[in-house]
């Protein structure tokens, strides 16, 4: 039996005397956002994609504030931070960015305006 929680996945573990406990595992996500204002991509790493998307859209991040609003175009789940960081670095590389741009055109995003 698995329970999903915000910061990761918890599983029930049997303890002596018929007791049970929850053991939590961290889960990491690499996410790609597309700006509805200029169509550009933003790539990041987090443990809570919904919270991060909200932070970007509210303007809590100085680096993305002028490009609001954003829509989520990709989210990938990883069991370790190292694996997620490696994927994030790949997407931020020249080759990774070209693959993302080819996969997600700006016209696919609702509300995108081409100025």
Protein backbone atom coordinates (compact mmCIF):
# COMPACT_ATOMS: atom_id res chain seq x y z
CA UNK A 1 0.00 0.00 0.00
CA UNK A 2 1.47 3.38 -1.03
CA UNK A 3 0.56 6.86 0.18
CA UNK A 4 1.49 9.88 -1.92
CA UNK A 5 2.50 13.02 -0.09
CA UNK A 6 3.71 16.38 -1.33
CA UNK A 7 7.44 16.00 -0.63
CA UNK A 8 7.73 12.42 -1.82
CA UNK A 9 6.31 8.93 -1.56
CA UNK A 10 5.61 7.24 1.76
CA UNK A 11 5.23 3.51 2.24
CA UNK A 12 3.99 1.51 5.19
CA UNK A 13 6.68 -0.51 6.93
CA UNK A 14 5.93 -3.35 9.33
CA UNK A 15 7.41 -2.97 12.81
CA UNK A 16 7.59 -5.46 15.70
CA UNK A 17 4.43 -6.17 17.69
CA UNK A 18 2.14 -5.60 14.72
CA UNK A 19 2.80 -1.87 14.47
CA UNK A 20 3.31 0.03 11.25
CA UNK A 21 5.20 3.20 10.37
CA UNK A 22 5.53 5.36 7.28
CA UNK A 23 8.90 5.66 5.60
CA UNK A 24 9.20 8.67 3.31
CA UNK A 25 11.30 8.82 0.18
CA UNK A 26 12.16 12.08 -1.53
CA UNK A 27 10.98 12.50 -5.11
CA UNK A 28 12.42 15.10 -7.45
CA UNK A 29 11.01 16.57 -10.63
CA UNK A 30 12.57 18.35 -13.57
CA UNK A 31 10.00 20.69 -15.06
CA UNK A 32 9.79 22.79 -18.19
CA UNK A 33 7.61 25.90 -18.31
CA UNK A 34 6.73 27.96 -21.35
CA UNK A 35 6.05 31.66 -21.02
CA UNK A 36 2.70 32.70 -22.47
CA UNK A 37 4.14 36.18 -22.96
CA UNK A 38 7.21 35.45 -25.09
CA UNK A 39 7.03 31.70 -25.77
CA UNK A 40 10.45 31.02 -24.20
CA UNK A 41 11.19 27.98 -22.05
CA UNK A 42 12.24 27.84 -18.40
CA UNK A 43 13.78 24.65 -16.97
CA UNK A 44 13.98 23.89 -13.27
CA UNK A 45 14.18 21.23 -10.55
CA UNK A 46 11.85 20.88 -7.56
CA UNK A 47 10.11 18.48 -5.20
CA UNK A 48 6.69 20.12 -5.72
CA UNK A 49 5.86 21.12 -9.29
CA UNK A 50 2.49 22.74 -8.51
CA UNK A 51 4.03 24.97 -5.83
CA UNK A 52 6.89 26.02 -8.12
CA UNK A 53 4.54 26.84 -10.99
CA UNK A 54 2.49 29.00 -8.64
CA UNK A 55 5.64 30.77 -7.38
CA UNK A 56 6.68 31.57 -10.94
CA UNK A 57 3.21 32.81 -11.91
CA UNK A 58 2.77 34.97 -8.79
CA UNK A 59 6.12 36.66 -9.41
CA UNK A 60 8.16 35.33 -6.49
CA UNK A 61 11.05 34.57 -8.85
CA UNK A 62 12.87 37.68 -10.00
CA UNK A 63 14.40 35.91 -13.01
CA UNK A 64 11.02 34.97 -14.49
CA UNK A 65 8.80 37.78 -13.20
CA UNK A 66 8.74 39.74 -16.48
CA UNK A 67 7.83 36.65 -18.52
CA UNK A 68 4.66 35.67 -16.63
CA UNK A 69 2.32 33.79 -16.97
CA UNK A 70 3.73 30.30 -17.46
CA UNK A 71 2.23 26.94 -18.37
CA UNK A 72 3.74 23.57 -17.55
CA UNK A 73 4.75 21.68 -20.69
CA UNK A 74 6.85 18.86 -19.21
CA UNK A 75 7.47 17.24 -15.83
CA UNK A 76 9.72 14.23 -15.26
CA UNK A 77 9.99 12.31 -11.96
CA UNK A 78 13.30 11.06 -10.51
CA UNK A 79 14.13 9.04 -7.40
CA UNK A 80 17.37 10.91 -6.64
CA UNK A 81 18.39 14.55 -6.76
CA UNK A 82 21.52 13.59 -8.69
CA UNK A 83 19.51 11.98 -11.50
CA UNK A 84 17.15 14.96 -11.65
CA UNK A 85 20.07 17.42 -11.70
CA UNK A 86 21.72 15.49 -14.56
CA UNK A 87 18.51 15.70 -16.61
CA UNK A 88 18.11 19.41 -15.81
CA UNK A 89 21.67 20.06 -16.97
CA UNK A 90 20.99 18.11 -20.17
CA UNK A 91 17.86 20.17 -20.93
CA UNK A 92 19.81 23.38 -20.26
CA UNK A 93 22.56 22.33 -22.69
CA UNK A 94 22.42 23.46 -26.29
CA UNK A 95 21.38 20.05 -27.60
CA UNK A 96 18.76 19.55 -24.87
CA UNK A 97 17.23 22.98 -25.54
CA UNK A 98 16.98 22.24 -29.26
CA UNK A 99 15.12 18.99 -28.51
CA UNK A 100 12.71 20.81 -26.19
CA UNK A 101 12.10 23.62 -28.68
CA UNK A 102 11.38 21.09 -31.42
CA UNK A 103 9.01 19.15 -29.14
CA UNK A 104 7.00 22.10 -27.80
CA UNK A 105 6.25 24.86 -30.25
CA UNK A 106 4.96 28.18 -28.86
CA UNK A 107 1.73 27.83 -30.82
CA UNK A 108 0.87 24.73 -28.74
CA UNK A 109 0.54 26.88 -25.62
CA UNK A 110 -2.90 28.41 -25.01
CA UNK A 111 -2.85 32.18 -24.79
CA UNK A 112 0.58 32.58 -26.40
CA UNK A 113 0.96 35.88 -28.22
CA UNK A 114 3.48 36.34 -31.01
CA UNK A 115 4.52 40.01 -30.83
